[in-house]
Amino acid sequence: MTDSIEKMCNPLDNSINEKLSRIREAFVKNIAEEYAKFYYVSGERGDVKRIRLDKKLVDYFIK
């Protein structure tokens, strides 16, 4: 597990891009692209990543 986390955090490794691509594919497979794009992580390689969903639409539950 530690190795996987280190690979995902390494900017020289492509692991994070591979994982994000799989997540995006899962959303697009189940939801139309016009809606899915608000829920998966997006951003160019090497750039800031973000989720487009408006923060006003997110509820936080703290136990």
N, C-alpha and C. Protein backbone atom coordinates (compact mmCIF):
# COMPACT_ATOMS: atom_id res chain seq x y z
N MET A 1 0.83 -1.17 0.00
CA MET A 1 0.00 0.00 0.00
C MET A 1 0.88 1.25 0.00
N THR A 2 1.93 1.24 0.81
CA THR A 2 2.83 2.39 0.87
C THR A 2 3.45 2.66 -0.49
N ASP A 3 3.84 1.60 -1.17
CA ASP A 3 4.45 1.74 -2.50
C ASP A 3 3.47 2.38 -3.48
N SER A 4 2.21 1.95 -3.44
CA SER A 4 1.19 2.51 -4.34
C SER A 4 0.98 4.00 -4.07
N ILE A 5 0.93 4.37 -2.81
CA ILE A 5 0.74 5.79 -2.46
C ILE A 5 1.94 6.61 -2.90
N GLU A 6 3.14 6.09 -2.70
CA GLU A 6 4.34 6.81 -3.13
C GLU A 6 4.36 7.00 -4.65
N LYS A 7 3.95 5.98 -5.39
CA LYS A 7 3.90 6.10 -6.86
C LYS A 7 2.89 7.15 -7.29
N MET A 8 1.73 7.17 -6.62
CA MET A 8 0.69 8.14 -6.99
C MET A 8 1.12 9.56 -6.68
N CYS A 9 1.97 9.74 -5.69
CA CYS A 9 2.41 11.08 -5.29
C CYS A 9 3.67 11.54 -6.02
N ASN A 10 4.29 10.64 -6.75
CA ASN A 10 5.53 10.95 -7.46
C ASN A 10 5.19 11.63 -8.80
N PRO A 11 5.56 12.89 -8.97
CA PRO A 11 5.23 13.60 -10.21
C PRO A 11 5.92 13.03 -11.45
N LEU A 12 6.95 12.22 -11.25
CA LEU A 12 7.67 11.62 -12.39
C LEU A 12 7.08 10.28 -12.79
N ASP A 13 6.16 9.76 -11.98
CA ASP A 13 5.52 8.48 -12.26
C ASP A 13 4.15 8.74 -12.87
N ASN A 14 3.71 7.90 -13.78
CA ASN A 14 2.43 8.08 -14.46
C ASN A 14 1.26 7.44 -13.71
N SER A 15 1.53 6.87 -12.54
CA SER A 15 0.52 6.12 -11.80
C SER A 15 -0.75 6.93 -11.53
N ILE A 16 -0.62 8.15 -11.09
CA ILE A 16 -1.80 8.96 -10.77
C ILE A 16 -2.66 9.20 -12.01
N ASN A 17 -2.02 9.44 -13.15
CA ASN A 17 -2.77 9.66 -14.38
C ASN A 17 -3.52 8.40 -14.81
N GLU A 18 -2.91 7.24 -14.60
CA GLU A 18 -3.56 5.98 -14.93
C GLU A 18 -4.80 5.76 -14.06
N LYS A 19 -4.66 6.04 -12.76
CA LYS A 19 -5.78 5.86 -11.83
C LYS A 19 -6.91 6.84 -12.16
N LEU A 20 -6.57 8.09 -12.41
CA LEU A 20 -7.59 9.09 -12.73
C LEU A 20 -8.30 8.76 -14.03
N SER A 21 -7.58 8.20 -14.97
CA SER A 21 -8.19 7.80 -16.24
C SER A 21 -9.21 6.69 -16.04
N ARG A 22 -8.88 5.72 -15.19
CA ARG A 22 -9.83 4.63 -14.91
C ARG A 22 -11.08 5.15 -14.20
N ILE A 23 -10.88 6.07 -13.26
CA ILE A 23 -12.02 6.65 -12.55
C ILE A 23 -12.92 7.40 -13.53
N ARG A 24 -12.30 8.20 -14.40
CA ARG A 24 -13.06 8.95 -15.40
C ARG A 24 -13.85 8.03 -16.31
N GLU A 25 -13.21 6.95 -16.77
CA GLU A 25 -13.89 5.98 -17.64
C GLU A 25 -15.10 5.37 -16.94
N ALA A 26 -14.99 5.09 -15.65
CA ALA A 26 -16.10 4.50 -14.90
C ALA A 26 -17.28 5.48 -14.84
N PHE A 27 -16.99 6.76 -14.60
CA PHE A 27 -18.06 7.75 -14.57
C PHE A 27 -18.72 7.88 -15.93
N VAL A 28 -17.93 8.02 -16.98
CA VAL A 28 -18.47 8.23 -18.33
C VAL A 28 -19.25 7.01 -18.81
N LYS A 29 -18.84 5.83 -18.38
CA LYS A 29 -19.54 4.61 -18.77
C LYS A 29 -20.95 4.58 -18.19
N ASN A 30 -21.13 5.18 -17.01
CA ASN A 30 -22.40 5.09 -16.31
C ASN A 30 -23.23 6.37 -16.32
N ILE A 31 -22.61 7.48 -16.66
CA ILE A 31 -23.29 8.77 -16.67
C ILE A 31 -22.89 9.50 -17.95
N ALA A 32 -23.82 10.21 -18.56
CA ALA A 32 -23.50 10.98 -19.77
C ALA A 32 -22.35 11.94 -19.47
N GLU A 33 -21.45 12.11 -20.44
CA GLU A 33 -20.27 12.96 -20.28
C GLU A 33 -20.62 14.36 -19.79
N GLU A 34 -21.72 14.91 -20.28
CA GLU A 34 -22.09 16.28 -19.89
C GLU A 34 -22.34 16.40 -18.40
N TYR A 35 -22.71 15.31 -17.72
CA TYR A 35 -22.92 15.32 -16.27
C TYR A 35 -21.70 14.75 -15.53
N ALA A 36 -21.11 13.70 -16.08
CA ALA A 36 -19.97 13.03 -15.44
C ALA A 36 -18.81 13.97 -15.22
N LYS A 37 -18.59 14.92 -16.13
CA LYS A 37 -17.43 15.81 -16.04
C LYS A 37 -17.39 16.63 -14.75
N PHE A 38 -18.51 16.74 -14.06
CA PHE A 38 -18.54 17.49 -12.81
C PHE A 38 -18.08 16.67 -11.61
N TYR A 39 -17.96 15.36 -11.79
CA TYR A 39 -17.69 14.46 -10.67
C TYR A 39 -16.31 13.82 -10.67
N TYR A 40 -15.66 13.71 -11.81
CA TYR A 40 -14.33 13.09 -11.80
C TYR A 40 -13.24 14.16 -11.76
N VAL A 41 -12.05 13.74 -11.38
CA VAL A 41 -10.91 14.64 -11.27
C VAL A 41 -10.43 14.96 -12.68
N SER A 42 -10.21 16.24 -12.95
CA SER A 42 -9.73 16.64 -14.28
C SER A 42 -8.57 17.61 -14.13
N GLY A 43 -7.85 17.79 -15.20
CA GLY A 43 -6.69 18.67 -15.23
C GLY A 43 -5.61 18.07 -16.11
N GLU A 44 -4.88 18.91 -16.78
CA GLU A 44 -3.81 18.45 -17.67
C GLU A 44 -2.68 17.82 -16.86
N ARG A 45 -1.92 16.95 -17.50
CA ARG A 45 -0.77 16.34 -16.83
C ARG A 45 0.18 17.42 -16.35
N GLY A 46 0.58 17.30 -15.10
CA GLY A 46 1.50 18.25 -14.52
C GLY A 46 0.84 19.52 -14.01
N ASP A 47 -0.47 19.68 -14.27
CA ASP A 47 -1.20 20.86 -13.81
C ASP A 47 -2.02 20.53 -12.57
N VAL A 48 -2.65 21.53 -12.05
CA VAL A 48 -3.53 21.37 -10.91
C VAL A 48 -4.71 20.48 -11.30
N LYS A 49 -5.08 19.57 -10.41
CA LYS A 49 -6.23 18.70 -10.62
C LYS A 49 -7.39 19.23 -9.79
N ARG A 50 -8.61 19.04 -10.29
CA ARG A 50 -9.78 19.50 -9.53
C ARG A 50 -11.01 18.72 -9.96
N ILE A 51 -12.02 18.81 -9.12
CA ILE A 51 -13.34 18.26 -9.42
C ILE A 51 -14.23 19.47 -9.66
N ARG A 52 -14.95 19.48 -10.77
CA ARG A 52 -15.71 20.66 -11.20
C ARG A 52 -17.01 20.91 -10.44
N LEU A 53 -17.46 19.97 -9.65
CA LEU A 53 -18.73 20.13 -8.94
C LEU A 53 -18.68 21.37 -8.06
N ASP A 54 -19.72 22.19 -8.14
CA ASP A 54 -19.81 23.41 -7.35
C ASP A 54 -19.80 23.05 -5.86
N LYS A 55 -18.98 23.73 -5.09
CA LYS A 55 -18.85 23.45 -3.65
C LYS A 55 -20.17 23.59 -2.92
N LYS A 56 -21.06 24.41 -3.43
CA LYS A 56 -22.36 24.60 -2.79
C LYS A 56 -23.21 23.32 -2.82
N LEU A 57 -22.87 22.41 -3.74
CA LEU A 57 -23.63 21.18 -3.88
C LEU A 57 -23.08 20.03 -3.04
N VAL A 58 -22.02 20.29 -2.27
CA VAL A 58 -21.38 19.26 -1.46
C VAL A 58 -21.78 19.42 -0.01
N ASP A 59 -22.24 18.31 0.58
CA ASP A 59 -22.55 18.28 2.01
C ASP A 59 -21.44 17.50 2.72
N TYR A 60 -21.00 18.02 3.84
CA TYR A 60 -19.98 17.36 4.64
C TYR A 60 -20.61 16.79 5.89
N PHE A 61 -20.38 15.53 6.13
CA PHE A 61 -20.88 14.89 7.33
C PHE A 61 -19.69 14.49 8.18
N ILE A 62 -19.63 15.03 9.37
CA ILE A 62 -18.53 14.71 10.28
C ILE A 62 -19.11 13.94 11.46
N LYS A 63 -18.54 12.77 11.71
CA LYS A 63 -19.01 11.96 12.84
C LYS A 63 -18.21 12.24 14.06
